[in-house]
Amino acid sequence: MNTFDHGAWGGQLGLGALGGAFVGGFVILTLIIVLWSFAWKGLALWHAARNGQFWWFVVLLIVNTLGILEIIYLFAFRADRATASLFGKKNPPAMPSSPAQ
């Protein structure tokens, strides 16, 4: 008889009565982390490829830091950060200031 197979012991995990809630919460947290990382990684890879920054693209593709490296790249090292917004729209040119009369 396998003692880890009883429902009173949390099924096969042996986590007790709260085992299902723990596993469910872990799954939700994992999903949130994956979606967060996927969104930042996709945005950073898109900008790196669009700007021809090959080495940034390779590093961002290989290194997984839960979005931290991607956020640093997007706000500090992206080549077009002065001329394009984060989602690819061109920033309007600055209006020249007219001399006061």
C-alpha atoms as a PDB file:
ATOM      1  CA  MET A   1       0.000   0.000   0.000  1.00  0.00           C
ATOM      2  CA  ASN A   2       1.397   3.376  -1.072  1.00  0.00           C
ATOM      3  CA  THR A   3       0.890   5.940   1.713  1.00  0.00           C
ATOM      4  CA  PHE A   4       1.257   8.879  -0.693  1.00  0.00           C
ATOM      5  CA  ASP A   5      -1.735   7.727  -2.713  1.00  0.00           C
ATOM      6  CA  HIS A   6      -4.369   8.602  -0.067  1.00  0.00           C
ATOM      7  CA  GLY A   7      -6.573  11.657  -0.602  1.00  0.00           C
ATOM      8  CA  ALA A   8      -6.288  12.597   3.080  1.00  0.00           C
ATOM      9  CA  TRP A   9      -2.552  13.116   2.611  1.00  0.00           C
ATOM     10  CA  GLY A  10      -2.895  15.505  -0.344  1.00  0.00           C
ATOM     11  CA  GLY A  11      -2.789  12.920  -3.109  1.00  0.00           C
ATOM     12  CA  GLN A  12       0.599  12.015  -4.471  1.00  0.00           C
ATOM     13  CA  LEU A  13       2.294  15.188  -3.238  1.00  0.00           C
ATOM     14  CA  GLY A  14       1.827  14.551   0.469  1.00  0.00           C
ATOM     15  CA  LEU A  15       0.789  18.143   1.176  1.00  0.00           C
ATOM     16  CA  GLY A  16      -2.259  17.497   3.345  1.00  0.00           C
ATOM     17  CA  ALA A  17      -5.598  19.238   3.123  1.00  0.00           C
ATOM     18  CA  LEU A  18      -4.098  22.446   1.684  1.00  0.00           C
ATOM     19  CA  GLY A  19      -2.184  20.607  -1.050  1.00  0.00           C
ATOM     20  CA  GLY A  20      -4.674  21.413  -3.784  1.00  0.00           C
ATOM     21  CA  ALA A  21      -4.762  25.115  -2.912  1.00  0.00           C
ATOM     22  CA  PHE A  22      -0.971  25.255  -2.768  1.00  0.00           C
ATOM     23  CA  VAL A  23      -0.565  23.597  -6.149  1.00  0.00           C
ATOM     24  CA  GLY A  24      -3.287  25.769  -7.693  1.00  0.00           C
ATOM     25  CA  GLY A  25      -1.658  28.941  -6.382  1.00  0.00           C
ATOM     26  CA  PHE A  26       1.736  27.781  -7.623  1.00  0.00           C
ATOM     27  CA  VAL A  27       0.327  27.146 -11.092  1.00  0.00           C
ATOM     28  CA  ILE A  28      -1.259  30.616 -11.221  1.00  0.00           C
ATOM     29  CA  LEU A  29       1.932  32.296 -10.004  1.00  0.00           C
ATOM     30  CA  THR A  30       3.992  30.386 -12.555  1.00  0.00           C
ATOM     31  CA  LEU A  31       1.611  31.410 -15.337  1.00  0.00           C
ATOM     32  CA  ILE A  32       1.829  35.077 -14.322  1.00  0.00           C
ATOM     33  CA  ILE A  33       5.644  34.924 -14.275  1.00  0.00           C
ATOM     34  CA  VAL A  34       5.770  33.222 -17.681  1.00  0.00           C
ATOM     35  CA  LEU A  35       3.427  35.786 -19.255  1.00  0.00           C
ATOM     36  CA  TRP A  36       5.373  38.690 -17.686  1.00  0.00           C
ATOM     37  CA  SER A  37       8.700  37.327 -18.993  1.00  0.00           C
ATOM     38  CA  PHE A  38       7.263  36.507 -22.417  1.00  0.00           C
ATOM     39  CA  ALA A  39       5.865  40.027 -22.901  1.00  0.00           C
ATOM     40  CA  TRP A  40       9.106  41.830 -21.958  1.00  0.00           C
ATOM     41  CA  LYS A  41      11.304  39.369 -23.876  1.00  0.00           C
ATOM     42  CA  GLY A  42       9.185  39.707 -27.019  1.00  0.00           C
ATOM     43  CA  LEU A  43       9.265  43.497 -26.893  1.00  0.00           C
ATOM     44  CA  ALA A  44      13.024  43.608 -26.245  1.00  0.00           C
ATOM     45  CA  LEU A  45      13.813  41.059 -28.981  1.00  0.00           C
ATOM     46  CA  TRP A  46      11.653  42.966 -31.451  1.00  0.00           C
ATOM     47  CA  HIS A  47      13.491  46.237 -30.759  1.00  0.00           C
ATOM     48  CA  ALA A  48      16.931  44.599 -30.847  1.00  0.00           C
ATOM     49  CA  ALA A  49      16.199  42.947 -34.204  1.00  0.00           C
ATOM     50  CA  ARG A  50      14.623  46.087 -35.656  1.00  0.00           C
ATOM     51  CA  ASN A  51      17.644  48.196 -34.648  1.00  0.00           C
ATOM     52  CA  GLY A  52      20.191  45.649 -35.896  1.00  0.00           C
ATOM     53  CA  GLN A  53      21.674  45.091 -32.431  1.00  0.00           C
ATOM     54  CA  PHE A  54      22.751  41.501 -33.031  1.00  0.00           C
ATOM     55  CA  TRP A  55      24.619  40.888 -29.770  1.00  0.00           C
ATOM     56  CA  TRP A  56      21.792  42.307 -27.666  1.00  0.00           C
ATOM     57  CA  PHE A  57      19.393  40.036 -29.551  1.00  0.00           C
ATOM     58  CA  VAL A  58      21.520  36.949 -28.813  1.00  0.00           C
ATOM     59  CA  VAL A  59      21.952  37.828 -25.123  1.00  0.00           C
ATOM     60  CA  LEU A  60      18.256  38.612 -24.653  1.00  0.00           C
ATOM     61  CA  LEU A  61      17.305  35.382 -26.402  1.00  0.00           C
ATOM     62  CA  ILE A  62      19.557  33.171 -24.256  1.00  0.00           C
ATOM     63  CA  VAL A  63      19.545  34.804 -20.805  1.00  0.00           C
ATOM     64  CA  ASN A  64      16.355  34.546 -18.754  1.00  0.00           C
ATOM     65  CA  THR A  65      16.080  37.061 -15.908  1.00  0.00           C
ATOM     66  CA  LEU A  66      12.295  37.336 -15.451  1.00  0.00           C
ATOM     67  CA  GLY A  67      12.224  40.474 -17.572  1.00  0.00           C
ATOM     68  CA  ILE A  68      14.878  42.427 -15.663  1.00  0.00           C
ATOM     69  CA  LEU A  69      17.556  42.437 -18.398  1.00  0.00           C
ATOM     70  CA  GLU A  70      14.893  43.132 -21.018  1.00  0.00           C
ATOM     71  CA  ILE A  71      13.599  46.167 -19.116  1.00  0.00           C
ATOM     72  CA  ILE A  72      17.159  47.488 -18.668  1.00  0.00           C
ATOM     73  CA  TYR A  73      17.805  47.084 -22.394  1.00  0.00           C
ATOM     74  CA  LEU A  74      14.552  48.778 -23.403  1.00  0.00           C
ATOM     75  CA  PHE A  75      15.027  51.838 -21.206  1.00  0.00           C
ATOM     76  CA  ALA A  76      18.822  52.250 -21.293  1.00  0.00           C
ATOM     77  CA  PHE A  77      20.478  50.588 -24.305  1.00  0.00           C
ATOM     78  CA  ARG A  78      17.881  50.557 -27.103  1.00  0.00           C
ATOM     79  CA  ALA A  79      19.259  52.399 -30.144  1.00  0.00           C
ATOM     80  CA  ASP A  80      16.004  54.137 -31.086  1.00  0.00           C
ATOM     81  CA  ARG A  81      14.817  55.136 -27.595  1.00  0.00           C
ATOM     82  CA  ALA A  82      15.050  58.838 -28.459  1.00  0.00           C
ATOM     83  CA  THR A  83      13.076  58.618 -31.704  1.00  0.00           C
ATOM     84  CA  ALA A  84      10.552  55.794 -31.138  1.00  0.00           C
ATOM     85  CA  SER A  85       8.229  54.874 -28.310  1.00  0.00           C
ATOM     86  CA  LEU A  86       8.328  51.508 -26.608  1.00  0.00           C
ATOM     87  CA  PHE A  87       5.637  50.117 -28.895  1.00  0.00           C
ATOM     88  CA  GLY A  88       7.179  51.269 -32.176  1.00  0.00           C
ATOM     89  CA  LYS A  89       5.351  54.540 -32.821  1.00  0.00           C
ATOM     90  CA  LYS A  90       7.574  57.382 -33.910  1.00  0.00           C
ATOM     91  CA  ASN A  91       7.854  60.249 -31.447  1.00  0.00           C
ATOM     92  CA  PRO A  92       6.884  63.584 -32.992  1.00  0.00           C
ATOM     93  CA  PRO A  93       9.823  65.931 -33.535  1.00  0.00           C
ATOM     94  CA  ALA A  94      10.281  68.577 -30.919  1.00  0.00           C
ATOM     95  CA  MET A  95       8.690  71.896 -31.788  1.00  0.00           C
ATOM     96  CA  PRO A  96      11.271  74.633 -32.198  1.00  0.00           C
ATOM     97  CA  SER A  97      10.815  77.290 -29.603  1.00  0.00           C
ATOM     98  CA  SER A  98       9.952  80.663 -31.068  1.00  0.00           C
ATOM     99  CA  PRO A  99      11.761  83.677 -29.706  1.00  0.00           C
ATOM    100  CA  ALA A 100       9.672  85.807 -27.370  1.00  0.00           C
ATOM    101  CA  GLN A 101       8.794  89.186 -28.772  1.00  0.00           C
END
